[in-house]
């Protein structure tokens, strides 16, 4: 691992900081799209019931997919040296964090599309998707001790130690 630099860099967060940066970069797309959509057409008629229904269904589907797919990782083999276990665990944590962040952003992307597809064309569907998508992002997409522990459950399912929380500086 490279030596961290900067005023807030510590050895504990050297592995965590890049994962946080990727998570924010993926998650910012939803906010940027929403801002652009509102600026393009500031009128806000009541959205069609179909658009609202699709956005709500997407929010539910995203939450379910995050729970059942977003934390799914293979278990580590027994006897894996600590350095290899840490590296493998960090790789799986990074990929699942990116997946969970993308799934949390999906309702906003669907709401964005619905705001153009269904008449009347209304960006108010974004006001339904944004709070739900941001809540999903905060709970599941942002790297935290809770998300690390959830990924560790899968990594350590066969009894091997993953060292994930330690590598991320959570312990």
Protein backbone atom coordinates (compact mmCIF):
# COMPACT_ATOMS: atom_id res chain seq x y z
CA UNK A 1 0.00 0.00 0.00
CA UNK A 2 1.22 3.51 -0.72
CA UNK A 3 1.89 5.98 2.05
CA UNK A 4 -1.01 8.39 2.54
CA UNK A 5 -0.40 12.11 2.17
CA UNK A 6 -2.30 15.25 3.01
CA UNK A 7 -3.43 16.94 6.21
CA UNK A 8 -6.05 14.32 7.16
CA UNK A 9 -4.30 11.22 5.83
CA UNK A 10 -3.55 8.47 8.28
CA UNK A 11 -2.47 4.89 7.71
CA UNK A 12 -5.94 3.81 8.87
CA UNK A 13 -7.81 5.64 6.12
CA UNK A 14 -5.32 5.03 3.29
CA UNK A 15 -7.47 2.17 1.96
CA UNK A 16 -10.81 3.82 2.78
CA UNK A 17 -10.30 7.21 1.10
CA UNK A 18 -10.18 5.93 -2.53
CA UNK A 19 -13.33 3.86 -1.96
CA UNK A 20 -15.10 6.93 -0.59
CA UNK A 21 -13.97 8.96 -3.60
CA UNK A 22 -15.33 6.38 -6.05
CA UNK A 23 -18.60 6.20 -4.14
CA UNK A 24 -19.04 9.98 -4.23
CA UNK A 25 -18.10 10.15 -7.92
CA UNK A 26 -20.71 7.54 -8.84
CA UNK A 27 -23.35 9.06 -6.56
CA UNK A 28 -22.90 12.63 -7.80
CA UNK A 29 -24.39 11.71 -11.17
CA UNK A 30 -27.88 11.61 -9.70
CA UNK A 31 -27.63 15.07 -8.23
CA UNK A 32 -26.09 16.57 -11.36
CA UNK A 33 -28.75 15.06 -13.64
CA UNK A 34 -31.50 16.32 -11.37
CA UNK A 35 -30.10 19.85 -11.33
CA UNK A 36 -29.75 19.90 -15.12
CA UNK A 37 -33.29 18.55 -15.62
CA UNK A 38 -34.79 21.24 -13.40
CA UNK A 39 -32.80 23.99 -15.15
CA UNK A 40 -33.77 22.77 -18.63
CA UNK A 41 -37.51 22.96 -17.94
CA UNK A 42 -38.41 24.62 -14.65
CA UNK A 43 -42.16 24.10 -15.13
CA UNK A 44 -43.49 21.43 -12.81
CA UNK A 45 -46.91 20.03 -13.67
CA UNK A 46 -48.22 17.10 -11.63
CA UNK A 47 -46.52 13.97 -13.03
CA UNK A 48 -48.50 11.12 -14.54
CA UNK A 49 -49.53 8.29 -12.22
CA UNK A 50 -47.52 5.90 -14.40
CA UNK A 51 -44.34 7.90 -13.89
CA UNK A 52 -44.88 8.04 -10.13
CA UNK A 53 -45.64 4.31 -9.98
CA UNK A 54 -42.56 3.37 -11.98
CA UNK A 55 -40.32 5.55 -9.82
CA UNK A 56 -41.74 4.07 -6.60
CA UNK A 57 -41.36 0.53 -7.97
CA UNK A 58 -37.76 1.31 -8.91
CA UNK A 59 -37.04 2.57 -5.39
CA UNK A 60 -38.37 -0.68 -3.91
CA UNK A 61 -36.52 -2.81 -6.48
CA UNK A 62 -33.26 -0.95 -5.80
CA UNK A 63 -33.60 -1.48 -2.05
CA UNK A 64 -34.26 -5.20 -2.54
CA UNK A 65 -31.39 -5.61 -5.02
CA UNK A 66 -28.98 -3.76 -2.74
CA UNK A 67 -29.88 -6.02 0.16
CA UNK A 68 -29.66 -9.31 -1.73
CA UNK A 69 -27.08 -8.61 -4.46
CA UNK A 70 -25.12 -5.61 -3.18
CA UNK A 71 -23.47 -7.48 -0.33
CA UNK A 72 -22.99 -10.84 -2.06
CA UNK A 73 -19.35 -11.91 -2.09
CA UNK A 74 -17.67 -15.31 -2.21
CA UNK A 75 -16.14 -16.59 1.01
CA UNK A 76 -12.38 -16.46 1.38
CA UNK A 77 -10.48 -19.76 1.31
CA UNK A 78 -8.90 -21.08 4.52
CA UNK A 79 -5.18 -20.55 4.93
CA UNK A 80 -5.03 -17.33 2.89
CA UNK A 81 -2.16 -15.15 4.20
CA UNK A 82 -3.28 -11.94 5.91
CA UNK A 83 -1.88 -9.65 3.18
CA UNK A 84 -3.71 -11.58 0.45
CA UNK A 85 -6.91 -11.72 2.52
CA UNK A 86 -6.79 -7.93 3.06
CA UNK A 87 -6.17 -7.23 -0.64
CA UNK A 88 -8.93 -9.58 -1.76
CA UNK A 89 -11.35 -8.23 0.85
CA UNK A 90 -10.65 -4.63 -0.18
CA UNK A 91 -11.21 -5.53 -3.84
CA UNK A 92 -14.59 -7.12 -3.07
CA UNK A 93 -15.57 -4.26 -0.76
CA UNK A 94 -14.73 -1.69 -3.45
CA UNK A 95 -16.69 -3.51 -6.14
CA UNK A 96 -19.75 -4.11 -3.94
CA UNK A 97 -19.68 -0.50 -2.73
CA UNK A 98 -19.68 0.70 -6.33
CA UNK A 99 -22.55 -1.67 -7.15
CA UNK A 100 -24.60 -0.55 -4.14
CA UNK A 101 -23.98 3.11 -5.03
CA UNK A 102 -25.10 2.53 -8.62
CA UNK A 103 -28.22 0.70 -7.46
CA UNK A 104 -29.01 3.56 -5.07
CA UNK A 105 -28.69 5.99 -7.99
CA UNK A 106 -30.92 3.93 -10.32
CA UNK A 107 -34.27 5.37 -9.10
CA UNK A 108 -33.05 8.89 -9.90
CA UNK A 109 -32.02 7.83 -13.40
CA UNK A 110 -35.42 6.20 -13.93
CA UNK A 111 -37.17 9.33 -12.61
CA UNK A 112 -35.08 11.43 -14.98
CA UNK A 113 -36.20 9.28 -17.92
CA UNK A 114 -39.82 9.31 -16.74
CA UNK A 115 -39.74 13.10 -16.59
CA UNK A 116 -39.34 13.12 -20.39
CA UNK A 117 -41.19 9.97 -21.46
CA UNK A 118 -44.54 10.45 -19.73
CA UNK A 119 -46.80 13.42 -20.29
CA UNK A 120 -47.05 15.82 -18.72
CA UNK A 121 -43.28 16.22 -18.70
CA UNK A 122 -42.54 16.91 -15.06
CA UNK A 123 -39.36 16.85 -13.03
CA UNK A 124 -41.38 16.31 -9.87
CA UNK A 125 -40.71 12.58 -10.19
CA UNK A 126 -37.15 13.49 -9.21
CA UNK A 127 -38.48 14.82 -5.90
CA UNK A 128 -39.79 11.32 -5.23
CA UNK A 129 -36.62 9.52 -6.28
CA UNK A 130 -33.96 11.84 -4.82
CA UNK A 131 -34.74 11.43 -1.10
CA UNK A 132 -35.10 7.67 -1.45
CA UNK A 133 -31.97 7.37 -3.58
CA UNK A 134 -29.97 9.55 -1.18
CA UNK A 135 -31.18 7.47 1.78
CA UNK A 136 -30.15 4.27 0.00
CA UNK A 137 -26.79 5.83 -0.80
CA UNK A 138 -26.19 6.98 2.75
CA UNK A 139 -27.17 3.64 4.31
CA UNK A 140 -25.70 1.25 1.73
CA UNK A 141 -23.44 3.11 -0.71
CA UNK A 142 -21.27 5.14 1.63
CA UNK A 143 -18.38 3.02 3.01
CA UNK A 144 -18.97 2.64 6.75
CA UNK A 145 -18.29 0.18 9.54
CA UNK A 146 -21.80 -1.22 9.00
CA UNK A 147 -21.29 -1.88 5.28
CA UNK A 148 -17.85 -3.36 5.95
CA UNK A 149 -19.33 -5.69 8.56
CA UNK A 150 -22.05 -6.79 6.13
CA UNK A 151 -19.46 -7.63 3.46
CA UNK A 152 -17.30 -9.38 6.07
CA UNK A 153 -20.17 -11.75 6.82
CA UNK A 154 -19.94 -13.12 3.28
CA UNK A 155 -16.16 -13.10 3.13
CA UNK A 156 -15.86 -14.96 6.42
CA UNK A 157 -18.77 -17.38 5.82
CA UNK A 158 -16.45 -20.42 5.76
CA UNK A 159 -14.47 -19.30 8.81
CA UNK A 160 -11.50 -17.56 7.17
CA UNK A 161 -10.48 -14.15 8.52
CA UNK A 162 -10.92 -11.27 6.03
CA UNK A 163 -9.24 -8.42 7.98
CA UNK A 164 -11.49 -5.99 6.07
CA UNK A 165 -12.47 -3.70 8.96
CA UNK A 166 -8.87 -3.47 10.07
CA UNK A 167 -7.67 -2.67 6.52
CA UNK A 168 -10.26 0.11 6.28
CA UNK A 169 -9.34 1.55 9.68
CA UNK A 170 -12.68 0.75 11.32
CA UNK A 171 -11.12 -1.29 14.16
